[in-house]
N, C-alpha and C. Protein backbone atom coordinates (compact mmCIF):
# COMPACT_ATOMS: atom_id res chain seq x y z
N MET A 1 45.52 127.24 174.68
CA MET A 1 45.45 126.55 175.96
C MET A 1 44.14 126.93 176.64
N ALA A 2 43.34 125.92 177.03
CA ALA A 2 42.08 126.15 177.74
C ALA A 2 42.37 126.29 179.22
N VAL A 3 42.02 127.43 179.78
CA VAL A 3 42.31 127.72 181.17
C VAL A 3 41.02 127.57 181.98
N VAL A 4 41.13 126.90 183.13
CA VAL A 4 39.97 126.71 184.01
C VAL A 4 40.31 127.18 185.42
N ILE A 5 39.27 127.57 186.13
CA ILE A 5 39.42 127.89 187.55
C ILE A 5 38.78 126.73 188.28
N ARG A 6 39.55 126.02 189.08
CA ARG A 6 39.03 124.86 189.77
C ARG A 6 39.64 124.72 191.15
N MET A 7 39.21 123.69 191.85
CA MET A 7 39.70 123.48 193.20
C MET A 7 40.72 122.35 193.22
N MET A 8 41.79 122.57 193.95
CA MET A 8 42.87 121.60 194.06
C MET A 8 42.92 121.12 195.50
N ARG A 9 42.81 119.81 195.71
CA ARG A 9 42.79 119.29 197.07
C ARG A 9 44.16 119.38 197.70
N ALA A 10 44.19 119.86 198.95
CA ALA A 10 45.46 120.02 199.64
C ALA A 10 45.37 119.55 201.08
N GLY A 11 44.32 118.86 201.46
CA GLY A 11 44.14 118.45 202.85
C GLY A 11 44.65 117.05 203.12
N ALA A 12 44.65 116.70 204.41
CA ALA A 12 45.06 115.36 204.82
C ALA A 12 43.90 114.39 204.61
N LYS A 13 44.16 113.12 204.88
CA LYS A 13 43.12 112.10 204.74
C LYS A 13 41.95 112.42 205.67
N LYS A 14 40.75 112.40 205.14
CA LYS A 14 39.51 112.69 205.87
C LYS A 14 39.43 114.13 206.37
N ARG A 15 40.32 114.99 205.93
CA ARG A 15 40.31 116.41 206.31
C ARG A 15 40.49 117.25 205.05
N PRO A 16 39.47 117.36 204.20
CA PRO A 16 39.63 118.08 202.94
C PRO A 16 39.89 119.58 203.13
N PHE A 17 40.73 120.09 202.28
CA PHE A 17 41.04 121.52 202.23
C PHE A 17 41.38 121.79 200.77
N TYR A 18 40.81 122.82 200.20
CA TYR A 18 40.99 123.06 198.78
C TYR A 18 41.57 124.43 198.51
N ARG A 19 42.45 124.49 197.51
CA ARG A 19 42.94 125.77 196.99
C ARG A 19 42.18 126.05 195.71
N ILE A 20 41.76 127.30 195.53
CA ILE A 20 41.11 127.70 194.29
C ILE A 20 42.22 128.17 193.37
N VAL A 21 42.43 127.46 192.26
CA VAL A 21 43.56 127.74 191.38
C VAL A 21 43.12 127.94 189.94
N VAL A 22 43.98 128.58 189.18
CA VAL A 22 43.83 128.69 187.72
C VAL A 22 44.81 127.68 187.14
N ALA A 23 44.30 126.79 186.26
CA ALA A 23 45.15 125.74 185.71
C ALA A 23 44.76 125.45 184.26
N ASP A 24 45.67 124.81 183.56
CA ASP A 24 45.39 124.32 182.21
C ASP A 24 44.41 123.16 182.36
N SER A 25 43.39 123.10 181.53
CA SER A 25 42.36 122.07 181.66
C SER A 25 42.91 120.66 181.44
N ARG A 26 44.03 120.54 180.75
CA ARG A 26 44.60 119.22 180.48
C ARG A 26 45.42 118.67 181.63
N ARG A 27 45.71 119.49 182.62
CA ARG A 27 46.50 119.06 183.78
C ARG A 27 45.65 118.27 184.77
N GLN A 28 46.33 117.51 185.64
CA GLN A 28 45.65 116.75 186.68
C GLN A 28 45.02 117.69 187.69
N ARG A 29 44.07 117.17 188.46
CA ARG A 29 43.38 117.99 189.47
C ARG A 29 44.38 118.62 190.44
N ASP A 30 45.32 117.84 190.92
CA ASP A 30 46.30 118.34 191.89
C ASP A 30 47.65 118.63 191.24
N GLY A 31 47.66 118.77 189.92
CA GLY A 31 48.91 118.99 189.19
C GLY A 31 49.34 120.44 189.16
N ARG A 32 50.11 120.76 188.15
CA ARG A 32 50.66 122.11 188.01
C ARG A 32 49.54 123.12 187.78
N PHE A 33 49.71 124.31 188.33
CA PHE A 33 48.70 125.35 188.17
C PHE A 33 49.39 126.66 187.80
N VAL A 34 48.62 127.63 187.36
CA VAL A 34 49.16 128.92 186.93
C VAL A 34 49.23 129.88 188.12
N GLU A 35 48.12 129.94 188.90
CA GLU A 35 48.06 130.90 190.00
C GLU A 35 47.06 130.43 191.05
N ILE A 36 47.34 130.73 192.32
CA ILE A 36 46.41 130.44 193.41
C ILE A 36 45.56 131.69 193.63
N LEU A 37 44.23 131.49 193.61
CA LEU A 37 43.32 132.62 193.80
C LEU A 37 42.76 132.70 195.21
N GLY A 38 42.78 131.60 195.93
CA GLY A 38 42.25 131.60 197.30
C GLY A 38 42.15 130.19 197.82
N TYR A 39 41.32 130.00 198.88
CA TYR A 39 41.14 128.66 199.44
C TYR A 39 39.70 128.48 199.90
N TYR A 40 39.35 127.20 200.13
CA TYR A 40 38.03 126.81 200.62
C TYR A 40 38.24 125.70 201.63
N ASP A 41 37.75 125.91 202.86
CA ASP A 41 37.88 124.92 203.92
C ASP A 41 36.48 124.45 204.32
N PRO A 42 36.04 123.29 203.81
CA PRO A 42 34.69 122.81 204.13
C PRO A 42 34.54 122.27 205.55
N MET A 43 35.65 122.00 206.23
CA MET A 43 35.59 121.43 207.58
C MET A 43 35.35 122.49 208.65
N ALA A 44 35.63 123.74 208.36
CA ALA A 44 35.41 124.81 209.32
C ALA A 44 33.90 125.02 209.48
N LYS A 45 33.47 125.38 210.68
CA LYS A 45 32.05 125.63 210.95
C LYS A 45 31.87 127.08 211.30
N PRO A 46 31.24 127.91 210.49
CA PRO A 46 30.80 127.67 209.11
C PRO A 46 32.00 127.58 208.18
N PHE A 47 31.79 126.98 207.00
CA PHE A 47 32.92 126.76 206.09
C PHE A 47 33.60 128.09 205.76
N ALA A 48 34.90 128.01 205.51
CA ALA A 48 35.69 129.21 205.26
C ALA A 48 36.08 129.30 203.79
N VAL A 49 35.85 130.48 203.21
CA VAL A 49 36.26 130.75 201.84
C VAL A 49 36.96 132.08 201.82
N LYS A 50 38.14 132.11 201.22
CA LYS A 50 38.86 133.37 201.07
C LYS A 50 39.44 133.38 199.67
N MET A 51 39.18 134.47 198.94
CA MET A 51 39.72 134.56 197.58
C MET A 51 39.95 136.01 197.21
N ASP A 52 40.84 136.21 196.26
CA ASP A 52 41.14 137.54 195.75
C ASP A 52 40.16 137.82 194.61
N GLU A 53 39.13 138.63 194.90
CA GLU A 53 38.06 138.87 193.93
C GLU A 53 38.57 139.52 192.65
N SER A 54 39.52 140.43 192.76
CA SER A 54 40.01 141.11 191.56
C SER A 54 40.72 140.13 190.62
N LYS A 55 41.47 139.19 191.19
CA LYS A 55 42.15 138.19 190.36
C LYS A 55 41.13 137.27 189.69
N VAL A 56 40.10 136.86 190.45
CA VAL A 56 39.06 135.98 189.90
C VAL A 56 38.37 136.66 188.74
N LYS A 57 37.95 137.91 188.94
CA LYS A 57 37.27 138.66 187.88
C LYS A 57 38.18 138.85 186.67
N GLY A 58 39.46 139.09 186.92
CA GLY A 58 40.42 139.25 185.83
C GLY A 58 40.56 137.99 184.99
N TRP A 59 40.67 136.83 185.66
CA TRP A 59 40.80 135.57 184.92
C TRP A 59 39.52 135.24 184.16
N ILE A 60 38.36 135.51 184.75
CA ILE A 60 37.11 135.25 184.05
C ILE A 60 36.99 136.17 182.84
N ALA A 61 37.44 137.42 182.98
CA ALA A 61 37.41 138.36 181.86
C ALA A 61 38.33 137.90 180.73
N GLU A 62 39.42 137.21 181.08
CA GLU A 62 40.34 136.69 180.06
C GLU A 62 39.84 135.41 179.42
N GLY A 63 38.74 134.83 179.95
CA GLY A 63 38.16 133.65 179.32
C GLY A 63 38.30 132.36 180.11
N ALA A 64 38.80 132.42 181.33
CA ALA A 64 38.92 131.20 182.14
C ALA A 64 37.52 130.73 182.55
N GLN A 65 37.28 129.42 182.41
CA GLN A 65 35.98 128.84 182.74
C GLN A 65 36.02 128.25 184.15
N PRO A 66 35.16 128.72 185.06
CA PRO A 66 35.15 128.12 186.40
C PRO A 66 34.47 126.76 186.40
N SER A 67 34.96 125.85 187.24
CA SER A 67 34.31 124.55 187.38
C SER A 67 32.98 124.75 188.09
N THR A 68 32.17 123.71 188.15
CA THR A 68 30.85 123.81 188.77
C THR A 68 30.96 124.25 190.23
N GLN A 69 31.84 123.62 190.99
CA GLN A 69 31.98 123.94 192.41
C GLN A 69 32.57 125.33 192.60
N ALA A 70 33.56 125.69 191.80
CA ALA A 70 34.16 127.01 191.91
C ALA A 70 33.13 128.09 191.57
N ALA A 71 32.33 127.86 190.53
CA ALA A 71 31.29 128.82 190.16
C ALA A 71 30.28 128.99 191.28
N SER A 72 29.96 127.90 191.97
CA SER A 72 29.03 127.96 193.09
C SER A 72 29.59 128.85 194.20
N LEU A 73 30.87 128.70 194.50
CA LEU A 73 31.52 129.54 195.52
C LEU A 73 31.55 131.00 195.08
N PHE A 74 31.79 131.24 193.80
CA PHE A 74 31.84 132.62 193.29
C PHE A 74 30.45 133.26 193.36
N ARG A 75 29.40 132.48 193.08
CA ARG A 75 28.05 133.02 193.18
C ARG A 75 27.72 133.40 194.61
N ARG A 76 28.13 132.56 195.58
CA ARG A 76 27.88 132.86 197.00
C ARG A 76 28.60 134.14 197.42
N ALA A 77 29.79 134.34 196.87
CA ALA A 77 30.57 135.53 197.21
C ALA A 77 30.10 136.76 196.43
N GLY A 78 29.26 136.55 195.42
CA GLY A 78 28.76 137.66 194.61
C GLY A 78 29.71 138.10 193.53
N ILE A 79 30.67 137.26 193.17
CA ILE A 79 31.65 137.60 192.13
C ILE A 79 31.05 137.45 190.75
N ILE A 80 30.27 136.38 190.55
CA ILE A 80 29.60 136.20 189.26
C ILE A 80 28.10 136.21 189.50
N ALA A 81 27.34 136.44 188.45
CA ALA A 81 25.89 136.55 188.55
C ALA A 81 25.27 135.20 188.87
N ALA A 82 24.09 135.24 189.45
CA ALA A 82 23.36 134.02 189.76
C ALA A 82 22.94 133.33 188.48
N ARG A 83 22.67 132.04 188.57
CA ARG A 83 22.21 131.27 187.42
C ARG A 83 20.85 131.79 186.96
N PRO A 84 20.54 131.62 185.68
CA PRO A 84 19.19 131.99 185.25
C PRO A 84 18.17 131.08 185.93
N SER A 85 16.97 131.60 186.15
CA SER A 85 15.95 130.84 186.85
C SER A 85 15.51 129.64 186.01
N LYS A 86 14.92 128.66 186.69
CA LYS A 86 14.44 127.46 186.01
C LYS A 86 13.21 127.81 185.17
N PRO A 87 12.90 127.01 184.14
CA PRO A 87 11.72 127.28 183.33
C PRO A 87 10.44 127.16 184.16
N THR A 88 9.43 127.88 183.74
CA THR A 88 8.16 127.86 184.46
C THR A 88 7.47 126.52 184.31
N LYS A 89 6.43 126.32 185.11
CA LYS A 89 5.69 125.06 185.05
C LYS A 89 4.99 124.89 183.71
N LYS A 90 4.53 126.00 183.12
CA LYS A 90 3.86 125.92 181.81
C LYS A 90 4.81 125.38 180.75
N ALA A 91 6.04 125.90 180.76
CA ALA A 91 7.03 125.45 179.77
C ALA A 91 7.37 123.98 179.98
N ALA A 92 7.48 123.57 181.24
CA ALA A 92 7.78 122.16 181.53
C ALA A 92 6.62 121.26 181.09
N ALA A 93 5.38 121.72 181.29
CA ALA A 93 4.22 120.93 180.89
C ALA A 93 4.15 120.80 179.36
N ALA A 94 4.50 121.88 178.65
CA ALA A 94 4.50 121.83 177.20
C ALA A 94 5.55 120.84 176.69
N GLY A 95 6.71 120.82 177.33
CA GLY A 95 7.76 119.87 176.95
C GLY A 95 7.32 118.43 177.20
N ALA A 96 6.62 118.19 178.32
CA ALA A 96 6.14 116.84 178.62
C ALA A 96 5.09 116.42 177.61
N ALA A 97 4.24 117.35 177.18
CA ALA A 97 3.20 117.03 176.20
C ALA A 97 3.83 116.64 174.86
N LYS A 98 4.89 117.34 174.47
CA LYS A 98 5.58 116.99 173.22
C LYS A 98 6.15 115.59 173.29
N LYS A 99 6.74 115.23 174.44
CA LYS A 99 7.31 113.89 174.60
C LYS A 99 6.21 112.84 174.51
N ALA A 100 5.04 113.11 175.10
CA ALA A 100 3.93 112.16 175.06
C ALA A 100 3.46 111.94 173.63
N VAL A 101 3.42 113.00 172.84
CA VAL A 101 3.01 112.88 171.44
C VAL A 101 4.01 112.05 170.67
N LYS A 102 5.29 112.25 170.93
CA LYS A 102 6.31 111.47 170.24
C LYS A 102 6.16 109.99 170.55
N ARG A 103 5.87 109.65 171.80
CA ARG A 103 5.75 108.25 172.19
C ARG A 103 4.52 107.60 171.57
N ALA A 104 3.47 108.37 171.32
CA ALA A 104 2.21 107.81 170.81
C ALA A 104 2.33 107.35 169.36
N ARG A 105 3.24 107.90 168.59
CA ARG A 105 3.39 107.52 167.18
C ARG A 105 3.90 106.09 167.07
N PRO A 106 3.39 105.32 166.08
CA PRO A 106 3.89 103.95 165.92
C PRO A 106 5.34 103.97 165.41
N ARG A 107 6.10 103.08 165.91
CA ARG A 107 7.50 103.01 165.50
C ARG A 107 7.65 102.11 164.28
N LYS A 108 8.65 102.39 163.46
CA LYS A 108 8.89 101.59 162.25
C LYS A 108 9.25 100.17 162.61
N VAL A 109 9.94 99.98 163.70
CA VAL A 109 10.35 98.65 164.12
C VAL A 109 9.12 97.79 164.36
N THR A 110 8.11 98.36 164.99
CA THR A 110 6.88 97.62 165.27
C THR A 110 6.20 97.21 163.97
N GLU A 111 6.14 98.11 162.99
CA GLU A 111 5.53 97.79 161.70
C GLU A 111 6.27 96.64 161.02
N ARG A 112 7.61 96.68 161.10
CA ARG A 112 8.40 95.60 160.51
C ARG A 112 8.10 94.27 161.18
N LYS A 113 7.96 94.29 162.50
CA LYS A 113 7.67 93.05 163.23
C LYS A 113 6.32 92.48 162.80
N ILE A 114 5.33 93.34 162.62
CA ILE A 114 3.99 92.88 162.20
C ILE A 114 4.06 92.23 160.83
N LYS A 115 4.80 92.86 159.88
CA LYS A 115 4.93 92.29 158.55
C LYS A 115 5.66 90.95 158.59
N ALA A 116 6.69 90.86 159.43
CA ALA A 116 7.45 89.62 159.54
C ALA A 116 6.58 88.50 160.08
N ARG A 117 5.75 88.79 161.07
CA ARG A 117 4.85 87.78 161.64
C ARG A 117 3.85 87.30 160.58
N ALA A 118 3.35 88.23 159.78
CA ALA A 118 2.38 87.86 158.73
C ALA A 118 3.02 86.94 157.70
N THR A 119 4.24 87.24 157.29
CA THR A 119 4.91 86.39 156.30
C THR A 119 5.20 85.01 156.88
N ARG A 120 5.59 84.96 158.17
CA ARG A 120 5.84 83.66 158.81
C ARG A 120 4.55 82.85 158.88
N ALA A 121 3.45 83.50 159.17
CA ALA A 121 2.16 82.81 159.25
C ALA A 121 1.76 82.24 157.89
N LYS A 122 2.01 83.00 156.81
CA LYS A 122 1.71 82.53 155.45
C LYS A 122 2.55 81.30 155.12
N LYS A 123 3.84 81.33 155.48
CA LYS A 123 4.73 80.19 155.20
C LYS A 123 4.25 78.96 155.94
N ARG A 124 3.85 79.15 157.23
CA ARG A 124 3.36 78.02 158.01
C ARG A 124 2.09 77.43 157.39
N ALA A 125 1.23 78.30 156.92
CA ALA A 125 -0.03 77.84 156.28
C ALA A 125 0.29 77.04 155.02
N LYS A 126 1.26 77.48 154.23
CA LYS A 126 1.63 76.77 153.01
C LYS A 126 2.20 75.39 153.34
N THR A 127 3.09 75.33 154.36
CA THR A 127 3.71 74.05 154.70
C THR A 127 2.69 73.08 155.27
N THR A 128 1.76 73.58 156.07
CA THR A 128 0.73 72.67 156.62
C THR A 128 -0.20 72.21 155.51
N ALA A 129 -0.52 73.08 154.54
CA ALA A 129 -1.39 72.70 153.41
C ALA A 129 -0.68 71.65 152.55
N ALA A 130 0.63 71.84 152.33
CA ALA A 130 1.40 70.89 151.52
C ALA A 130 1.52 69.54 152.24
N ALA A 131 1.63 69.58 153.56
CA ALA A 131 1.75 68.32 154.32
C ALA A 131 0.44 67.53 154.29
N LYS A 132 -0.69 68.21 154.30
CA LYS A 132 -2.00 67.55 154.28
C LYS A 132 -2.29 66.95 152.91
N ALA A 133 -1.76 67.54 151.85
CA ALA A 133 -2.05 67.07 150.51
C ALA A 133 -1.18 65.91 150.12
């Protein structure tokens, strides 16, 4: 069973409120869950987050995968490590250069089109020569 840590909506219309839960990945977003770890209230100013850190760490240690939003909340709370930094500009420039080189190569489809046009031109020349004779 694949276990995930995700947010389950529990608020009224236009008033979102989320519970942070551990659930089977095959279940619906608001369906059955294994355990409630805390809550997140985005409508509060500033937004309110409360969770049991020991339970969260325990579930992650057991292999539960947090959803994108849940992981973001855990990073803010300092429960999980920050994301690795983005690649440097040099690395990005090298990747762009590789893409440019790939685009510059002639494609096989283009070569086929050129050959097809040449054969059609030869056929037209033959038919016009035969018509004149």
